[in-house]
Amino acid sequence: MAELFERGARCVLCLPRAAATKLPERVLVSVAVGEPGKNDLAFAARLLRHWKPRVTVLTVLPADGA
């Protein structure tokens, strides 16, 4: 996977081999807070709308709230 990022990939979807015949029914999307996460969330939304799984978006905030 590192090779994908070295070639300029910004977003990568990792699925088990079995997903070639059956897409996941549930997806967890982990994104950064604020501006940095906007592009990732937009990418996920564009991709996920094609198979319409149940989606949970996860963002972890620092304890100090910064």
PDB file of N, CA and C in Angstrom:
ATOM      1  N   MET A   1       0.826  -1.186   0.000  1.00  0.00           N
ATOM      2  CA  MET A   1       0.000   0.000   0.000  1.00  0.00           C
ATOM      3  C   MET A   1       0.875   1.256   0.000  1.00  0.00           C
ATOM      4  N   ALA A   2       2.025   1.184   0.598  1.00  0.00           N
ATOM      5  CA  ALA A   2       2.915   2.348   0.632  1.00  0.00           C
ATOM      6  C   ALA A   2       3.236   2.819  -0.775  1.00  0.00           C
ATOM      7  N   GLU A   3       3.349   1.882  -1.717  1.00  0.00           N
ATOM      8  CA  GLU A   3       3.646   2.240  -3.099  1.00  0.00           C
ATOM      9  C   GLU A   3       2.551   3.133  -3.693  1.00  0.00           C
ATOM     10  N   LEU A   4       1.303   2.893  -3.323  1.00  0.00           N
ATOM     11  CA  LEU A   4       0.209   3.735  -3.821  1.00  0.00           C
ATOM     12  C   LEU A   4       0.391   5.180  -3.382  1.00  0.00           C
ATOM     13  N   PHE A   5       0.735   5.364  -2.116  1.00  0.00           N
ATOM     14  CA  PHE A   5       0.938   6.716  -1.596  1.00  0.00           C
ATOM     15  C   PHE A   5       2.173   7.374  -2.210  1.00  0.00           C
ATOM     16  N   GLU A   6       3.212   6.578  -2.448  1.00  0.00           N
ATOM     17  CA  GLU A   6       4.416   7.112  -3.080  1.00  0.00           C
ATOM     18  C   GLU A   6       4.130   7.592  -4.496  1.00  0.00           C
ATOM     19  N   ARG A   7       3.150   6.957  -5.158  1.00  0.00           N
ATOM     20  CA  ARG A   7       2.785   7.360  -6.526  1.00  0.00           C
ATOM     21  C   ARG A   7       1.754   8.479  -6.536  1.00  0.00           C
ATOM     22  N   GLY A   8       1.377   8.974  -5.348  1.00  0.00           N
ATOM     23  CA  GLY A   8       0.496  10.132  -5.296  1.00  0.00           C
ATOM     24  C   GLY A   8      -0.931   9.873  -4.879  1.00  0.00           C
ATOM     25  N   ALA A   9      -1.283   8.630  -4.563  1.00  0.00           N
ATOM     26  CA  ALA A   9      -2.647   8.349  -4.114  1.00  0.00           C
ATOM     27  C   ALA A   9      -2.922   9.104  -2.820  1.00  0.00           C
ATOM     28  N   ARG A  10      -4.102   9.686  -2.716  1.00  0.00           N
ATOM     29  CA  ARG A  10      -4.457  10.427  -1.512  1.00  0.00           C
ATOM     30  C   ARG A  10      -5.452   9.666  -0.668  1.00  0.00           C
ATOM     31  N   CYS A  11      -6.243   8.809  -1.296  1.00  0.00           N
ATOM     32  CA  CYS A  11      -7.253   8.022  -0.588  1.00  0.00           C
ATOM     33  C   CYS A  11      -7.172   6.589  -1.089  1.00  0.00           C
ATOM     34  N   VAL A  12      -7.246   5.640  -0.173  1.00  0.00           N
ATOM     35  CA  VAL A  12      -7.174   4.230  -0.528  1.00  0.00           C
ATOM     36  C   VAL A  12      -8.299   3.497   0.180  1.00  0.00           C
ATOM     37  N   LEU A  13      -9.004   2.665  -0.553  1.00  0.00           N
ATOM     38  CA  LEU A  13     -10.061   1.830   0.012  1.00  0.00           C
ATOM     39  C   LEU A  13      -9.504   0.428   0.144  1.00  0.00           C
ATOM     40  N   CYS A  14      -9.492  -0.113   1.361  1.00  0.00           N
ATOM     41  CA  CYS A  14      -8.997  -1.469   1.614  1.00  0.00           C
ATOM     42  C   CYS A  14     -10.182  -2.377   1.899  1.00  0.00           C
ATOM     43  N   LEU A  15     -10.313  -3.427   1.099  1.00  0.00           N
ATOM     44  CA  LEU A  15     -11.399  -4.388   1.259  1.00  0.00           C
ATOM     45  C   LEU A  15     -10.826  -5.793   1.273  1.00  0.00           C
ATOM     46  N   PRO A  16     -11.470  -6.713   1.983  1.00  0.00           N
ATOM     47  CA  PRO A  16     -11.020  -8.105   1.932  1.00  0.00           C
ATOM     48  C   PRO A  16     -11.252  -8.675   0.532  1.00  0.00           C
ATOM     49  N   ARG A  17     -10.514  -9.725   0.182  1.00  0.00           N
ATOM     50  CA  ARG A  17     -10.654 -10.327  -1.141  1.00  0.00           C
ATOM     51  C   ARG A  17     -12.092 -10.740  -1.441  1.00  0.00           C
ATOM     52  N   ALA A  18     -12.812 -11.184  -0.439  1.00  0.00           N
ATOM     53  CA  ALA A  18     -14.198 -11.610  -0.632  1.00  0.00           C
ATOM     54  C   ALA A  18     -15.082 -10.467  -1.109  1.00  0.00           C
ATOM     55  N   ALA A  19     -14.642  -9.247  -0.926  1.00  0.00           N
ATOM     56  CA  ALA A  19     -15.442  -8.087  -1.318  1.00  0.00           C
ATOM     57  C   ALA A  19     -15.579  -7.966  -2.832  1.00  0.00           C
ATOM     58  N   ALA A  20     -14.767  -8.709  -3.564  1.00  0.00           N
ATOM     59  CA  ALA A  20     -14.874  -8.656  -5.020  1.00  0.00           C
ATOM     60  C   ALA A  20     -16.258  -9.119  -5.479  1.00  0.00           C
ATOM     61  N   THR A  21     -16.898  -9.954  -4.675  1.00  0.00           N
ATOM     62  CA  THR A  21     -18.228 -10.445  -5.048  1.00  0.00           C
ATOM     63  C   THR A  21     -19.334  -9.878  -4.163  1.00  0.00           C
ATOM     64  N   LYS A  22     -18.968  -9.384  -2.987  1.00  0.00           N
ATOM     65  CA  LYS A  22     -19.986  -8.850  -2.073  1.00  0.00           C
ATOM     66  C   LYS A  22     -19.406  -7.653  -1.328  1.00  0.00           C
ATOM     67  N   LEU A  23     -19.965  -6.484  -1.557  1.00  0.00           N
ATOM     68  CA  LEU A  23     -19.480  -5.282  -0.888  1.00  0.00           C
ATOM     69  C   LEU A  23     -19.969  -5.245   0.555  1.00  0.00           C
ATOM     70  N   PRO A  24     -19.227  -4.582   1.444  1.00  0.00           N
ATOM     71  CA  PRO A  24     -19.622  -4.507   2.848  1.00  0.00           C
ATOM     72  C   PRO A  24     -20.973  -3.803   3.016  1.00  0.00           C
ATOM     73  N   GLU A  25     -21.733  -4.245   3.998  1.00  0.00           N
ATOM     74  CA  GLU A  25     -23.016  -3.611   4.318  1.00  0.00           C
ATOM     75  C   GLU A  25     -22.831  -2.437   5.265  1.00  0.00           C
ATOM     76  N   ARG A  26     -21.703  -2.446   6.009  1.00  0.00           N
ATOM     77  CA  ARG A  26     -21.400  -1.363   6.952  1.00  0.00           C
ATOM     78  C   ARG A  26     -19.988  -0.864   6.698  1.00  0.00           C
ATOM     79  N   VAL A  27     -19.809   0.464   6.837  1.00  0.00           N
ATOM     80  CA  VAL A  27     -18.506   1.079   6.578  1.00  0.00           C
ATOM     81  C   VAL A  27     -18.206   2.086   7.684  1.00  0.00           C
ATOM     82  N   LEU A  28     -16.966   2.079   8.155  1.00  0.00           N
ATOM     83  CA  LEU A  28     -16.492   3.076   9.115  1.00  0.00           C
ATOM     84  C   LEU A  28     -15.533   3.998   8.376  1.00  0.00           C
ATOM     85  N   VAL A  29     -15.838   5.298   8.379  1.00  0.00           N
ATOM     86  CA  VAL A  29     -14.993   6.296   7.731  1.00  0.00           C
ATOM     87  C   VAL A  29     -14.362   7.130   8.832  1.00  0.00           C
ATOM     88  N   SER A  30     -13.033   7.085   8.926  1.00  0.00           N
ATOM     89  CA  SER A  30     -12.312   7.844   9.941  1.00  0.00           C
ATOM     90  C   SER A  30     -11.673   9.050   9.268  1.00  0.00           C
ATOM     91  N   VAL A  31     -11.997  10.245   9.754  1.00  0.00           N
ATOM     92  CA  VAL A  31     -11.499  11.468   9.124  1.00  0.00           C
ATOM     93  C   VAL A  31     -10.925  12.418  10.165  1.00  0.00           C
ATOM     94  N   ALA A  32     -10.046  13.294   9.690  1.00  0.00           N
ATOM     95  CA  ALA A  32      -9.482  14.336  10.548  1.00  0.00           C
ATOM     96  C   ALA A  32     -10.537  15.409  10.791  1.00  0.00           C
ATOM     97  N   VAL A  33     -10.345  16.185  11.833  1.00  0.00           N
ATOM     98  CA  VAL A  33     -11.265  17.264  12.173  1.00  0.00           C
ATOM     99  C   VAL A  33     -11.075  18.442  11.229  1.00  0.00           C
ATOM    100  N   GLY A  34     -12.161  19.092  10.861  1.00  0.00           N
ATOM    101  CA  GLY A  34     -12.103  20.351  10.119  1.00  0.00           C
ATOM    102  C   GLY A  34     -11.670  20.221   8.686  1.00  0.00           C
ATOM    103  N   GLU A  35     -10.955  21.224   8.206  1.00  0.00           N
ATOM    104  CA  GLU A  35     -10.546  21.313   6.800  1.00  0.00           C
ATOM    105  C   GLU A  35      -9.827  20.060   6.312  1.00  0.00           C
ATOM    106  N   PRO A  36      -8.869  19.505   7.081  1.00  0.00           N
ATOM    107  CA  PRO A  36      -8.150  18.334   6.574  1.00  0.00           C
ATOM    108  C   PRO A  36      -9.068  17.149   6.263  1.00  0.00           C
ATOM    109  N   GLY A  37     -10.154  17.009   6.989  1.00  0.00           N
ATOM    110  CA  GLY A  37     -11.049  15.872   6.789  1.00  0.00           C
ATOM    111  C   GLY A  37     -12.072  16.072   5.693  1.00  0.00           C
ATOM    112  N   LYS A  38     -12.245  17.292   5.225  1.00  0.00           N
ATOM    113  CA  LYS A  38     -13.270  17.569   4.212  1.00  0.00           C
ATOM    114  C   LYS A  38     -13.059  16.785   2.927  1.00  0.00           C
ATOM    115  N   ASN A  39     -11.838  16.759   2.434  1.00  0.00           N
ATOM    116  CA  ASN A  39     -11.566  16.036   1.189  1.00  0.00           C
ATOM    117  C   ASN A  39     -11.780  14.540   1.354  1.00  0.00           C
ATOM    118  N   ASP A  40     -11.345  14.001   2.491  1.00  0.00           N
ATOM    119  CA  ASP A  40     -11.522  12.570   2.737  1.00  0.00           C
ATOM    120  C   ASP A  40     -12.999  12.208   2.817  1.00  0.00           C
ATOM    121  N   LEU A  41     -13.757  13.024   3.508  1.00  0.00           N
ATOM    122  CA  LEU A  41     -15.188  12.756   3.646  1.00  0.00           C
ATOM    123  C   LEU A  41     -15.896  12.891   2.299  1.00  0.00           C
ATOM    124  N   ALA A  42     -15.502  13.863   1.506  1.00  0.00           N
ATOM    125  CA  ALA A  42     -16.094  14.030   0.176  1.00  0.00           C
ATOM    126  C   ALA A  42     -15.787  12.819  -0.707  1.00  0.00           C
ATOM    127  N   PHE A  43     -14.553  12.324  -0.639  1.00  0.00           N
ATOM    128  CA  PHE A  43     -14.177  11.130  -1.402  1.00  0.00           C
ATOM    129  C   PHE A  43     -15.020   9.940  -0.968  1.00  0.00           C
ATOM    130  N   ALA A  44     -15.123   9.740   0.333  1.00  0.00           N
ATOM    131  CA  ALA A  44     -15.910   8.612   0.844  1.00  0.00           C
ATOM    132  C   ALA A  44     -17.368   8.713   0.409  1.00  0.00           C
ATOM    133  N   ALA A  45     -17.917   9.895   0.478  1.00  0.00           N
ATOM    134  CA  ALA A  45     -19.320  10.079   0.089  1.00  0.00           C
ATOM    135  C   ALA A  45     -19.521   9.751  -1.386  1.00  0.00           C
ATOM    136  N   ARG A  46     -18.605  10.213  -2.246  1.00  0.00           N
ATOM    137  CA  ARG A  46     -18.728   9.923  -3.681  1.00  0.00           C
ATOM    138  C   ARG A  46     -18.656   8.426  -3.946  1.00  0.00           C
ATOM    139  N   LEU A  47     -17.785   7.738  -3.241  1.00  0.00           N
ATOM    140  CA  LEU A  47     -17.625   6.304  -3.436  1.00  0.00           C
ATOM    141  C   LEU A  47     -18.801   5.514  -2.864  1.00  0.00           C
ATOM    142  N   LEU A  48     -19.166   5.832  -1.628  1.00  0.00           N
ATOM    143  CA  LEU A  48     -20.174   5.042  -0.924  1.00  0.00           C
ATOM    144  C   LEU A  48     -21.587   5.211  -1.480  1.00  0.00           C
ATOM    145  N   ARG A  49     -21.871   6.303  -2.120  1.00  0.00           N
ATOM    146  CA  ARG A  49     -23.222   6.496  -2.643  1.00  0.00           C
ATOM    147  C   ARG A  49     -23.564   5.471  -3.716  1.00  0.00           C
ATOM    148  N   HIS A  50     -22.561   4.820  -4.290  1.00  0.00           N
ATOM    149  CA  HIS A  50     -22.817   3.854  -5.350  1.00  0.00           C
ATOM    150  C   HIS A  50     -23.328   2.516  -4.834  1.00  0.00           C
ATOM    151  N   TRP A  51     -23.011   2.164  -3.577  1.00  0.00           N
ATOM    152  CA  TRP A  51     -23.555   0.908  -3.075  1.00  0.00           C
ATOM    153  C   TRP A  51     -24.370   1.071  -1.804  1.00  0.00           C
ATOM    154  N   LYS A  52     -24.441   2.249  -1.260  1.00  0.00           N
ATOM    155  CA  LYS A  52     -25.332   2.627  -0.164  1.00  0.00           C
ATOM    156  C   LYS A  52     -25.253   1.721   1.084  1.00  0.00           C
ATOM    157  N   PRO A  53     -24.055   1.564   1.648  1.00  0.00           N
ATOM    158  CA  PRO A  53     -23.953   0.822   2.911  1.00  0.00           C
ATOM    159  C   PRO A  53     -24.381   1.708   4.077  1.00  0.00           C
ATOM    160  N   ARG A  54     -24.504   1.127   5.250  1.00  0.00           N
ATOM    161  CA  ARG A  54     -24.674   1.919   6.480  1.00  0.00           C
ATOM    162  C   ARG A  54     -23.321   2.506   6.796  1.00  0.00           C
ATOM    163  N   VAL A  55     -23.270   3.801   7.034  1.00  0.00           N
ATOM    164  CA  VAL A  55     -21.985   4.481   7.214  1.00  0.00           C
ATOM    165  C   VAL A  55     -21.916   5.137   8.587  1.00  0.00           C
ATOM    166  N   THR A  56     -20.783   4.962   9.260  1.00  0.00           N
ATOM    167  CA  THR A  56     -20.483   5.668  10.500  1.00  0.00           C
ATOM    168  C   THR A  56     -19.234   6.509  10.245  1.00  0.00           C
ATOM    169  N   VAL A  57     -19.293   7.788  10.581  1.00  0.00           N
ATOM    170  CA  VAL A  57     -18.140   8.669  10.426  1.00  0.00           C
ATOM    171  C   VAL A  57     -17.512   8.866  11.801  1.00  0.00           C
ATOM    172  N   LEU A  58     -16.205   8.642  11.904  1.00  0.00           N
ATOM    173  CA  LEU A  58     -15.479   8.729  13.170  1.00  0.00           C
ATOM    174  C   LEU A  58     -14.454   9.846  13.100  1.00  0.00           C
ATOM    175  N   THR A  59     -14.478  10.704  14.092  1.00  0.00           N
ATOM    176  CA  THR A  59     -13.456  11.727  14.266  1.00  0.00           C
ATOM    177  C   THR A  59     -13.030  11.695  15.725  1.00  0.00           C
ATOM    178  N   VAL A  60     -11.741  11.667  15.971  1.00  0.00           N
ATOM    179  CA  VAL A  60     -11.227  11.649  17.334  1.00  0.00           C
ATOM    180  C   VAL A  60     -10.674  13.023  17.664  1.00  0.00           C
ATOM    181  N   LEU A  61     -11.193  13.622  18.715  1.00  0.00           N
ATOM    182  CA  LEU A  61     -10.748  14.948  19.148  1.00  0.00           C
ATOM    183  C   LEU A  61      -9.721  14.799  20.261  1.00  0.00           C
ATOM    184  N   PRO A  62      -8.738  15.692  20.326  1.00  0.00           N
ATOM    185  CA  PRO A  62      -7.779  15.644  21.437  1.00  0.00           C
ATOM    186  C   PRO A  62      -8.495  15.965  22.754  1.00  0.00           C
ATOM    187  N   ALA A  63      -7.946  15.479  23.840  1.00  0.00           N
ATOM    188  CA  ALA A  63      -8.559  15.686  25.155  1.00  0.00           C
ATOM    189  C   ALA A  63      -8.698  17.154  25.515  1.00  0.00           C
ATOM    190  N   ASP A  64      -7.775  18.006  25.030  1.00  0.00           N
ATOM    191  CA  ASP A  64      -7.828  19.423  25.371  1.00  0.00           C
ATOM    192  C   ASP A  64      -8.804  20.202  24.474  1.00  0.00           C
ATOM    193  N   GLY A  65      -9.423  19.509  23.498  1.00  0.00           N
ATOM    194  CA  GLY A  65     -10.415  20.160  22.644  1.00  0.00           C
ATOM    195  C   GLY A  65      -9.812  20.994  21.525  1.00  0.00           C
ATOM    196  N   ALA A  66      -8.482  20.949  21.371  1.00  0.00           N
ATOM    197  CA  ALA A  66      -7.828  21.772  20.330  1.00  0.00           C
ATOM    198  C   ALA A  66      -7.924  21.126  18.973  1.00  0.00           C
TER     199      ALA A  66
END
